Amino acid sequence: MRILKFKVEKQKITKAPSCDFSNIAKGTKGYLVAEFSFSQDWDKCVKVGVFRALGGNEVAAPIIKGQCVIPPEALKANMFYVSAIGQKEGYRIATGKTEVEQS
């Protein structure tokens, strides 16, 4: 298992500078995990990671204890996009997207 770390600050998502995003091979399944650290704006929200392969459809995965497995549908192209959505009663927050390159 390989963990890709993302930082979510309000509505902005970025790749964690301490995480190595090099040499990610496309076509994996059940191997890549996204780990998110969220700002206080996301407290008590139910969270999902949203993933989309370049030219593909968006696929959501529940974030449990800050992590989720990246769906294989998102890992078929040379690039995929990551975003997050959080929701609680009367409140919804979403991020923009960040891209991850694969070889």
Protein backbone atom coordinates (compact mmCIF):
# COMPACT_ATOMS: atom_id res chain seq x y z
CA MET A 1 0.00 0.00 0.00
CA ARG A 2 1.22 3.49 -0.87
CA ILE A 3 -0.18 6.57 0.85
CA LEU A 4 -0.56 9.86 -1.03
CA LYS A 5 -1.04 12.76 1.39
CA PHE A 6 -3.22 15.80 0.75
CA LYS A 7 -3.74 18.93 2.80
CA VAL A 8 -7.19 20.55 2.85
CA GLU A 9 -7.32 24.13 4.07
CA LYS A 10 -10.87 25.50 3.86
CA GLN A 11 -11.73 24.96 0.16
CA LYS A 12 -8.19 24.47 -1.13
CA ILE A 13 -6.63 21.03 -1.58
CA THR A 14 -2.89 20.61 -2.18
CA LYS A 15 -0.44 17.75 -2.30
CA ALA A 16 1.43 17.54 1.02
CA PRO A 17 5.00 18.79 0.46
CA SER A 18 6.39 15.97 2.62
CA CYS A 19 4.86 13.28 0.39
CA ASP A 20 6.61 11.73 -2.61
CA PHE A 21 4.32 11.84 -5.65
CA SER A 22 6.92 10.52 -8.10
CA ASN A 23 6.83 7.21 -9.97
CA ILE A 24 3.13 6.49 -9.56
CA ALA A 25 2.18 3.78 -12.07
CA LYS A 26 -1.26 3.82 -13.66
CA GLY A 27 -3.55 0.82 -13.56
CA THR A 28 -3.25 -0.17 -9.89
CA LYS A 29 -6.18 -1.41 -7.79
CA GLY A 30 -6.46 -1.41 -3.99
CA TYR A 31 -2.87 -0.13 -3.65
CA LEU A 32 -3.03 3.68 -3.59
CA VAL A 33 -4.55 5.32 -0.52
CA ALA A 34 -5.36 9.02 -0.17
CA GLU A 35 -4.76 10.52 3.26
CA PHE A 36 -6.30 13.90 4.05
CA SER A 37 -5.58 16.42 6.78
CA PHE A 38 -8.45 18.90 7.15
CA SER A 39 -8.73 22.40 8.60
CA GLN A 40 -11.33 23.16 11.30
CA ASP A 41 -13.91 24.16 8.67
CA TRP A 42 -14.37 20.42 8.08
CA ASP A 43 -14.97 19.42 11.73
CA LYS A 44 -17.91 17.04 12.25
CA CYS A 45 -18.50 16.70 8.49
CA VAL A 46 -19.05 13.40 6.75
CA LYS A 47 -16.29 13.46 4.13
CA VAL A 48 -15.74 11.86 0.73
CA GLY A 49 -12.78 11.94 -1.60
CA VAL A 50 -13.66 12.55 -5.23
CA PHE A 51 -11.37 11.15 -7.92
CA ARG A 52 -11.44 11.46 -11.70
CA ALA A 53 -9.12 10.08 -14.34
CA LEU A 54 -8.22 12.46 -17.15
CA GLY A 55 -11.19 12.16 -19.51
CA GLY A 56 -13.13 9.93 -17.10
CA ASN A 57 -16.07 10.19 -14.72
CA GLU A 58 -15.87 11.25 -11.09
CA VAL A 59 -15.88 8.48 -8.49
CA ALA A 60 -16.40 9.14 -4.77
CA ALA A 61 -14.92 7.17 -1.89
CA PRO A 62 -15.81 7.62 1.80
CA ILE A 63 -13.03 9.08 3.93
CA ILE A 64 -12.75 7.10 7.14
CA LYS A 65 -10.23 8.16 9.81
CA GLY A 66 -8.70 10.56 7.27
CA GLN A 67 -8.09 7.95 4.55
CA CYS A 68 -9.70 6.24 1.58
CA VAL A 69 -8.58 3.83 -1.11
CA ILE A 70 -8.36 5.57 -4.48
CA PRO A 71 -10.87 3.88 -6.82
CA PRO A 72 -9.30 1.98 -9.74
CA GLU A 73 -11.52 3.87 -12.23
CA ALA A 74 -9.48 7.00 -11.44
CA LEU A 75 -6.14 5.28 -12.04
CA LYS A 76 -6.47 4.34 -15.71
CA ALA A 77 -4.98 7.46 -17.34
CA ASN A 78 -1.70 9.36 -17.13
CA MET A 79 -3.29 11.86 -14.75
CA PHE A 80 -6.05 11.91 -12.15
CA TYR A 81 -7.69 14.66 -10.14
CA VAL A 82 -8.48 14.70 -6.42
CA SER A 83 -10.99 16.82 -4.50
CA ALA A 84 -13.03 16.47 -1.31
CA ILE A 85 -16.57 17.17 -0.18
CA GLY A 86 -17.82 17.47 3.40
CA GLN A 87 -21.35 17.72 4.70
CA LYS A 88 -23.23 18.05 7.96
CA GLU A 89 -26.70 19.33 8.80
CA GLY A 90 -27.27 22.62 6.96
CA TYR A 91 -23.63 22.81 5.82
CA ARG A 92 -21.69 21.64 2.76
CA ILE A 93 -18.07 22.38 1.85
CA ALA A 94 -16.11 21.35 -1.24
CA THR A 95 -12.58 21.86 -2.51
CA GLY A 96 -11.19 22.64 -5.91
CA LYS A 97 -9.12 19.94 -7.60
CA THR A 98 -5.46 19.02 -7.55
CA GLU A 99 -3.84 16.81 -10.16
CA VAL A 100 -1.60 13.79 -9.77
CA GLU A 101 0.53 12.49 -12.64
CA GLN A 102 1.08 8.79 -13.30
CA SER A 103 3.54 7.06 -15.58
